[in-house]
Amino acid sequence: MIKFLNIFQIKNYLKTISKNNLNINCNLKSSRIVIKGKNNLVEISNSNLKKIKVGIDGNNNSLTINSKVYMRNSNIIIKGENLKVVIGDNCNIGGIKIVCAGKNSSIKIGKDCLLAGNIEIRNNDGHSIISNETIINNSKNITISDKVWIGENAKILKGANIGSNSVIALNALVTCGNYDNNVILAGIPAKIIKKDIYWKNDLPD
């Protein structure tokens, strides 16, 4: 069943198949949501989204975009079973491609994050690598904690857990690992280049 909250503006092309749930309470412009499968959930709270494409292919998946998110020029792809994508409150996103694929995995972005343009976040390699008849490159969760600033063209791959109040530099490639709070990550692959920092929205002198 498709359900909408009672206060929203929606100027988009919306295509879905029954047995899914959409709870949308936002300003959604020039966007498209396509769902194939069943028992999928899309929840978008009081946010401002423009030129967003959402594609869900599979069953028992969820996309949650919380309140006061400003997002444009973005593409969210969810393909598989029991997958979860969460974007926290008060995030500002200039352009992102999220690919959450496989089974029983998640991509979570905390609150108060700032993401520039042309960013990619992927929890899955896209193709299976097999050894002794066993897949050895399964999906892994990605967690971006609260108040993380991610620079343009950065890529974040499966298994990355980024601590709060951190900065991901322009063009960085963040691979699997647990990264501390209050650090700057830069390079390919990304490494910690500075510790004990925090960032503010204010323009520097």
C-alpha atoms as a PDB file:
ATOM      1  CA  MET A   1       0.000   0.000   0.000  1.00  0.00           C
ATOM      2  CA  ILE A   2       1.213   3.511  -0.828  1.00  0.00           C
ATOM      3  CA  LYS A   3       0.650   6.144   1.854  1.00  0.00           C
ATOM      4  CA  PHE A   4       1.457   9.860   1.817  1.00  0.00           C
ATOM      5  CA  LEU A   5       1.509  12.258   4.718  1.00  0.00           C
ATOM      6  CA  ASN A   6      -1.037  15.010   4.339  1.00  0.00           C
ATOM      7  CA  ILE A   7       1.207  18.072   3.882  1.00  0.00           C
ATOM      8  CA  PHE A   8       3.658  17.930   0.989  1.00  0.00           C
ATOM      9  CA  GLN A   9       4.445  19.356  -2.402  1.00  0.00           C
ATOM     10  CA  ILE A  10       5.431  16.833  -5.024  1.00  0.00           C
ATOM     11  CA  LYS A  11       6.421  17.748  -8.568  1.00  0.00           C
ATOM     12  CA  ASN A  12       7.914  14.559  -9.892  1.00  0.00           C
ATOM     13  CA  TYR A  13       7.415  11.425 -11.832  1.00  0.00           C
ATOM     14  CA  LEU A  14       6.535   8.668  -9.404  1.00  0.00           C
ATOM     15  CA  LYS A  15       6.338   5.049 -10.415  1.00  0.00           C
ATOM     16  CA  THR A  16       5.964   2.199  -7.977  1.00  0.00           C
ATOM     17  CA  ILE A  17       4.509  -1.258  -7.690  1.00  0.00           C
ATOM     18  CA  SER A  18       2.040  -2.215  -4.959  1.00  0.00           C
ATOM     19  CA  LYS A  19       2.977  -3.775  -1.627  1.00  0.00           C
ATOM     20  CA  ASN A  20       5.427  -0.983  -0.780  1.00  0.00           C
ATOM     21  CA  ASN A  21       5.092   2.035   1.522  1.00  0.00           C
ATOM     22  CA  LEU A  22       5.974   5.666   0.819  1.00  0.00           C
ATOM     23  CA  ASN A  23       5.664   8.231   3.606  1.00  0.00           C
ATOM     24  CA  ILE A  24       6.657  11.559   2.090  1.00  0.00           C
ATOM     25  CA  ASN A  25       6.443  14.955   3.790  1.00  0.00           C
ATOM     26  CA  CYS A  26       8.787  17.228   1.892  1.00  0.00           C
ATOM     27  CA  ASN A  27       9.347  19.570  -1.009  1.00  0.00           C
ATOM     28  CA  LEU A  28      10.342  17.131  -3.772  1.00  0.00           C
ATOM     29  CA  LYS A  29      11.008  18.764  -7.151  1.00  0.00           C
ATOM     30  CA  SER A  30      12.021  17.377 -10.538  1.00  0.00           C
ATOM     31  CA  SER A  31      12.600  13.970  -8.989  1.00  0.00           C
ATOM     32  CA  ARG A  32      11.709  10.345  -9.582  1.00  0.00           C
ATOM     33  CA  ILE A  33      11.136   7.362  -7.314  1.00  0.00           C
ATOM     34  CA  VAL A  34      10.909   3.895  -8.882  1.00  0.00           C
ATOM     35  CA  ILE A  35      10.340   0.792  -6.763  1.00  0.00           C
ATOM     36  CA  LYS A  36      10.334  -2.819  -7.949  1.00  0.00           C
ATOM     37  CA  GLY A  37       9.647  -5.466  -5.338  1.00  0.00           C
ATOM     38  CA  LYS A  38       7.658  -5.677  -2.127  1.00  0.00           C
ATOM     39  CA  ASN A  39       7.815  -4.620   1.516  1.00  0.00           C
ATOM     40  CA  ASN A  40      10.069  -1.676   0.684  1.00  0.00           C
ATOM     41  CA  LEU A  41       9.787   1.576   2.628  1.00  0.00           C
ATOM     42  CA  VAL A  42      10.639   5.149   1.651  1.00  0.00           C
ATOM     43  CA  GLU A  43      10.317   7.767   4.402  1.00  0.00           C
ATOM     44  CA  ILE A  44      11.197  11.398   3.710  1.00  0.00           C
ATOM     45  CA  SER A  45      10.582  13.941   6.452  1.00  0.00           C
ATOM     46  CA  ASN A  46      10.426  17.730   6.249  1.00  0.00           C
ATOM     47  CA  SER A  47      13.239  18.307   3.747  1.00  0.00           C
ATOM     48  CA  ASN A  48      14.025  20.040   0.450  1.00  0.00           C
ATOM     49  CA  LEU A  49      15.031  17.693  -2.375  1.00  0.00           C
ATOM     50  CA  LYS A  50      15.610  18.644  -6.013  1.00  0.00           C
ATOM     51  CA  LYS A  51      16.651  16.547  -9.014  1.00  0.00           C
ATOM     52  CA  ILE A  52      16.784  13.321  -7.024  1.00  0.00           C
ATOM     53  CA  LYS A  53      16.537   9.831  -8.506  1.00  0.00           C
ATOM     54  CA  VAL A  54      15.679   6.909  -6.241  1.00  0.00           C
ATOM     55  CA  GLY A  55      15.643   3.362  -7.553  1.00  0.00           C
ATOM     56  CA  ILE A  56      14.816   0.374  -5.351  1.00  0.00           C
ATOM     57  CA  ASP A  57      14.939  -3.130  -6.808  1.00  0.00           C
ATOM     58  CA  GLY A  58      14.324  -5.951  -4.338  1.00  0.00           C
ATOM     59  CA  ASN A  59      12.441  -6.719  -1.162  1.00  0.00           C
ATOM     60  CA  ASN A  60      12.420  -5.547   2.465  1.00  0.00           C
ATOM     61  CA  ASN A  61      14.614  -2.504   1.839  1.00  0.00           C
ATOM     62  CA  SER A  62      14.308   0.983   3.320  1.00  0.00           C
ATOM     63  CA  LEU A  63      15.345   4.548   2.566  1.00  0.00           C
ATOM     64  CA  THR A  64      15.001   7.136   5.334  1.00  0.00           C
ATOM     65  CA  ILE A  65      15.743  10.824   4.786  1.00  0.00           C
ATOM     66  CA  ASN A  66      15.231  12.736   8.005  1.00  0.00           C
ATOM     67  CA  SER A  67      14.267  16.352   8.682  1.00  0.00           C
ATOM     68  CA  LYS A  68      15.858  19.521   7.315  1.00  0.00           C
ATOM     69  CA  VAL A  69      17.913  17.773   4.656  1.00  0.00           C
ATOM     70  CA  TYR A  70      18.790  19.898   1.622  1.00  0.00           C
ATOM     71  CA  MET A  71      19.816  17.587  -1.226  1.00  0.00           C
ATOM     72  CA  ARG A  72      20.081  18.075  -4.974  1.00  0.00           C
ATOM     73  CA  ASN A  73      21.516  16.373  -8.065  1.00  0.00           C
ATOM     74  CA  SER A  74      21.686  12.981  -6.387  1.00  0.00           C
ATOM     75  CA  ASN A  75      21.064   9.335  -7.229  1.00  0.00           C
ATOM     76  CA  ILE A  76      20.217   6.642  -4.672  1.00  0.00           C
ATOM     77  CA  ILE A  77      20.281   3.032  -5.860  1.00  0.00           C
ATOM     78  CA  ILE A  78      19.178   0.190  -3.586  1.00  0.00           C
ATOM     79  CA  LYS A  79      19.375  -3.279  -5.109  1.00  0.00           C
ATOM     80  CA  GLY A  80      18.962  -6.495  -3.140  1.00  0.00           C
ATOM     81  CA  GLU A  81      17.370  -7.680   0.077  1.00  0.00           C
ATOM     82  CA  ASN A  82      17.165  -6.236   3.602  1.00  0.00           C
ATOM     83  CA  LEU A  83      19.178  -3.123   2.783  1.00  0.00           C
ATOM     84  CA  LYS A  84      18.962   0.188   4.602  1.00  0.00           C
ATOM     85  CA  VAL A  85      19.989   3.735   3.650  1.00  0.00           C
ATOM     86  CA  VAL A  86      19.643   6.505   6.248  1.00  0.00           C
ATOM     87  CA  ILE A  87      20.435  10.221   5.898  1.00  0.00           C
ATOM     88  CA  GLY A  88      20.354  12.126   9.180  1.00  0.00           C
ATOM     89  CA  ASP A  89      18.820  15.455  10.115  1.00  0.00           C
ATOM     90  CA  ASN A  90      20.136  18.773   8.849  1.00  0.00           C
ATOM     91  CA  CYS A  91      22.458  17.444   6.131  1.00  0.00           C
ATOM     92  CA  ASN A  92      23.425  19.582   3.125  1.00  0.00           C
ATOM     93  CA  ILE A  93      24.229  17.478   0.058  1.00  0.00           C
ATOM     94  CA  GLY A  94      25.349  19.015  -3.229  1.00  0.00           C
ATOM     95  CA  GLY A  95      25.476  15.846  -5.302  1.00  0.00           C
ATOM     96  CA  ILE A  96      25.880  12.223  -4.302  1.00  0.00           C
ATOM     97  CA  LYS A  97      25.570   8.749  -5.758  1.00  0.00           C
ATOM     98  CA  ILE A  98      24.703   6.115  -3.174  1.00  0.00           C
ATOM     99  CA  VAL A  99      24.799   2.462  -4.187  1.00  0.00           C
ATOM    100  CA  CYS A 100      23.577   0.070  -1.506  1.00  0.00           C
ATOM    101  CA  ALA A 101      23.496  -3.463  -2.878  1.00  0.00           C
ATOM    102  CA  GLY A 102      23.597  -7.090  -1.812  1.00  0.00           C
ATOM    103  CA  LYS A 103      21.940  -8.433   1.320  1.00  0.00           C
ATOM    104  CA  ASN A 104      21.642  -7.400   4.972  1.00  0.00           C
ATOM    105  CA  SER A 105      23.761  -4.262   4.713  1.00  0.00           C
ATOM    106  CA  SER A 106      23.416  -0.529   5.338  1.00  0.00           C
ATOM    107  CA  ILE A 107      24.724   2.920   4.508  1.00  0.00           C
ATOM    108  CA  LYS A 108      24.155   5.488   7.242  1.00  0.00           C
ATOM    109  CA  ILE A 109      24.957   9.205   7.143  1.00  0.00           C
ATOM    110  CA  GLY A 110      24.680  11.013  10.467  1.00  0.00           C
ATOM    111  CA  LYS A 111      23.162  14.401  11.199  1.00  0.00           C
ATOM    112  CA  ASP A 112      24.678  17.810  10.399  1.00  0.00           C
ATOM    113  CA  CYS A 113      26.874  16.476   7.587  1.00  0.00           C
ATOM    114  CA  LEU A 114      28.056  18.600   4.658  1.00  0.00           C
ATOM    115  CA  LEU A 115      28.658  16.833   1.351  1.00  0.00           C
ATOM    116  CA  ALA A 116      29.919  18.590  -1.769  1.00  0.00           C
ATOM    117  CA  GLY A 117      29.259  17.428  -5.340  1.00  0.00           C
ATOM    118  CA  ASN A 118      30.127  14.289  -7.303  1.00  0.00           C
ATOM    119  CA  ILE A 119      30.543  12.094  -4.217  1.00  0.00           C
ATOM    120  CA  GLU A 120      30.105   8.320  -4.411  1.00  0.00           C
ATOM    121  CA  ILE A 121      29.314   5.946  -1.552  1.00  0.00           C
ATOM    122  CA  ARG A 122      29.256   2.206  -2.324  1.00  0.00           C
ATOM    123  CA  ASN A 123      28.808  -0.734   0.036  1.00  0.00           C
ATOM    124  CA  ASN A 124      29.306  -3.337  -2.688  1.00  0.00           C
ATOM    125  CA  ASP A 125      31.892  -4.099  -5.377  1.00  0.00           C
ATOM    126  CA  GLY A 126      29.304  -4.638  -8.094  1.00  0.00           C
ATOM    127  CA  HIS A 127      30.476  -8.108  -9.133  1.00  0.00           C
ATOM    128  CA  SER A 128      31.261 -11.260  -7.154  1.00  0.00           C
ATOM    129  CA  ILE A 129      34.792 -12.555  -6.580  1.00  0.00           C
ATOM    130  CA  ILE A 130      34.781 -16.282  -5.856  1.00  0.00           C
ATOM    131  CA  SER A 131      37.393 -18.526  -4.257  1.00  0.00           C
ATOM    132  CA  ASN A 132      36.781 -22.230  -3.626  1.00  0.00           C
ATOM    133  CA  GLU A 133      33.169 -21.717  -4.706  1.00  0.00           C
ATOM    134  CA  THR A 134      32.647 -19.071  -2.001  1.00  0.00           C
ATOM    135  CA  ILE A 135      32.016 -15.371  -2.553  1.00  0.00           C
ATOM    136  CA  ILE A 136      34.806 -13.488  -0.793  1.00  0.00           C
ATOM    137  CA  ASN A 137      33.749  -9.886  -1.402  1.00  0.00           C
ATOM    138  CA  ASN A 138      30.362  -9.571   0.299  1.00  0.00           C
ATOM    139  CA  SER A 139      28.754  -6.217   1.027  1.00  0.00           C
ATOM    140  CA  LYS A 140      29.864  -4.317   4.126  1.00  0.00           C
ATOM    141  CA  ASN A 141      28.184  -1.554   6.105  1.00  0.00           C
ATOM    142  CA  ILE A 142      29.241   2.072   5.782  1.00  0.00           C
ATOM    143  CA  THR A 143      28.787   4.532   8.644  1.00  0.00           C
ATOM    144  CA  ILE A 144      29.428   8.264   8.358  1.00  0.00           C
ATOM    145  CA  SER A 145      29.021   9.752  11.817  1.00  0.00           C
ATOM    146  CA  ASP A 146      27.553  13.126  12.766  1.00  0.00           C
ATOM    147  CA  LYS A 147      29.038  16.363  11.421  1.00  0.00           C
ATOM    148  CA  VAL A 148      31.345  15.019   8.728  1.00  0.00           C
ATOM    149  CA  TRP A 149      32.422  17.282   5.860  1.00  0.00           C
ATOM    150  CA  ILE A 150      33.090  15.427   2.598  1.00  0.00           C
ATOM    151  CA  GLY A 151      34.852  17.233  -0.242  1.00  0.00           C
ATOM    152  CA  GLU A 152      34.059  17.115  -3.934  1.00  0.00           C
ATOM    153  CA  ASN A 153      34.805  13.914  -5.902  1.00  0.00           C
ATOM    154  CA  ALA A 154      35.442  11.857  -2.761  1.00  0.00           C
ATOM    155  CA  LYS A 155      34.684   8.140  -2.893  1.00  0.00           C
ATOM    156  CA  ILE A 156      33.729   6.061   0.148  1.00  0.00           C
ATOM    157  CA  LEU A 157      33.840   2.292  -0.192  1.00  0.00           C
ATOM    158  CA  LYS A 158      32.413  -0.642   1.730  1.00  0.00           C
ATOM    159  CA  GLY A 159      33.422  -1.166   5.329  1.00  0.00           C
ATOM    160  CA  ALA A 160      34.362   2.472   5.980  1.00  0.00           C
ATOM    161  CA  ASN A 161      33.367   3.828   9.396  1.00  0.00           C
ATOM    162  CA  ILE A 162      34.120   7.534   9.657  1.00  0.00           C
ATOM    163  CA  GLY A 163      34.178   9.251  13.034  1.00  0.00           C
ATOM    164  CA  SER A 164      32.313  12.439  13.881  1.00  0.00           C
ATOM    165  CA  ASN A 165      33.547  15.978  13.252  1.00  0.00           C
ATOM    166  CA  SER A 166      35.953  14.731  10.600  1.00  0.00           C
ATOM    167  CA  VAL A 167      36.870  16.011   7.132  1.00  0.00           C
ATOM    168  CA  ILE A 168      37.253  13.962   3.947  1.00  0.00           C
ATOM    169  CA  ALA A 169      39.428  15.857   1.493  1.00  0.00           C
ATOM    170  CA  LEU A 170      38.782  16.585  -2.167  1.00  0.00           C
ATOM    171  CA  ASN A 171      39.260  13.474  -4.373  1.00  0.00           C
ATOM    172  CA  ALA A 172      39.929  11.175  -1.402  1.00  0.00           C
ATOM    173  CA  LEU A 173      39.284   7.434  -1.692  1.00  0.00           C
ATOM    174  CA  VAL A 174      38.199   6.093   1.694  1.00  0.00           C
ATOM    175  CA  THR A 175      38.484   2.313   1.933  1.00  0.00           C
ATOM    176  CA  CYS A 176      37.472  -0.239   4.570  1.00  0.00           C
ATOM    177  CA  GLY A 177      38.514   0.739   8.096  1.00  0.00           C
ATOM    178  CA  ASN A 178      37.562   2.462  11.330  1.00  0.00           C
ATOM    179  CA  TYR A 179      38.584   6.114  11.346  1.00  0.00           C
ATOM    180  CA  ASP A 180      38.770   8.238  14.497  1.00  0.00           C
ATOM    181  CA  ASN A 181      36.711  11.286  15.355  1.00  0.00           C
ATOM    182  CA  ASN A 182      38.145  14.732  14.618  1.00  0.00           C
ATOM    183  CA  VAL A 183      40.553  13.793  11.827  1.00  0.00           C
ATOM    184  CA  ILE A 184      41.294  14.831   8.240  1.00  0.00           C
ATOM    185  CA  LEU A 185      41.447  12.017   5.688  1.00  0.00           C
ATOM    186  CA  ALA A 186      43.115  12.610   2.325  1.00  0.00           C
ATOM    187  CA  GLY A 187      44.711  10.723  -0.547  1.00  0.00           C
ATOM    188  CA  ILE A 188      44.279   7.505  -2.528  1.00  0.00           C
ATOM    189  CA  PRO A 189      43.784   5.421  -0.509  1.00  0.00           C
ATOM    190  CA  ALA A 190      42.837   7.946   2.155  1.00  0.00           C
ATOM    191  CA  LYS A 191      44.977   8.202   5.266  1.00  0.00           C
ATOM    192  CA  ILE A 192      44.751  10.355   8.370  1.00  0.00           C
ATOM    193  CA  ILE A 193      46.864  13.442   7.740  1.00  0.00           C
ATOM    194  CA  LYS A 194      45.814  15.468  10.786  1.00  0.00           C
ATOM    195  CA  LYS A 195      44.225  14.695  14.156  1.00  0.00           C
ATOM    196  CA  ASP A 196      42.450  16.675  16.876  1.00  0.00           C
ATOM    197  CA  ILE A 197      40.553  18.985  14.532  1.00  0.00           C
ATOM    198  CA  TYR A 198      36.975  20.091  14.182  1.00  0.00           C
ATOM    199  CA  TRP A 199      35.288  22.144  11.499  1.00  0.00           C
ATOM    200  CA  LYS A 200      32.733  24.954  11.260  1.00  0.00           C
ATOM    201  CA  ASN A 201      30.608  26.338   8.445  1.00  0.00           C
ATOM    202  CA  ASP A 202      32.218  29.762   8.810  1.00  0.00           C
ATOM    203  CA  LEU A 203      34.370  30.986   5.918  1.00  0.00           C
ATOM    204  CA  PRO A 204      38.050  31.140   7.003  1.00  0.00           C
ATOM    205  CA  ASP A 205      39.869  34.488   7.009  1.00  0.00           C
END
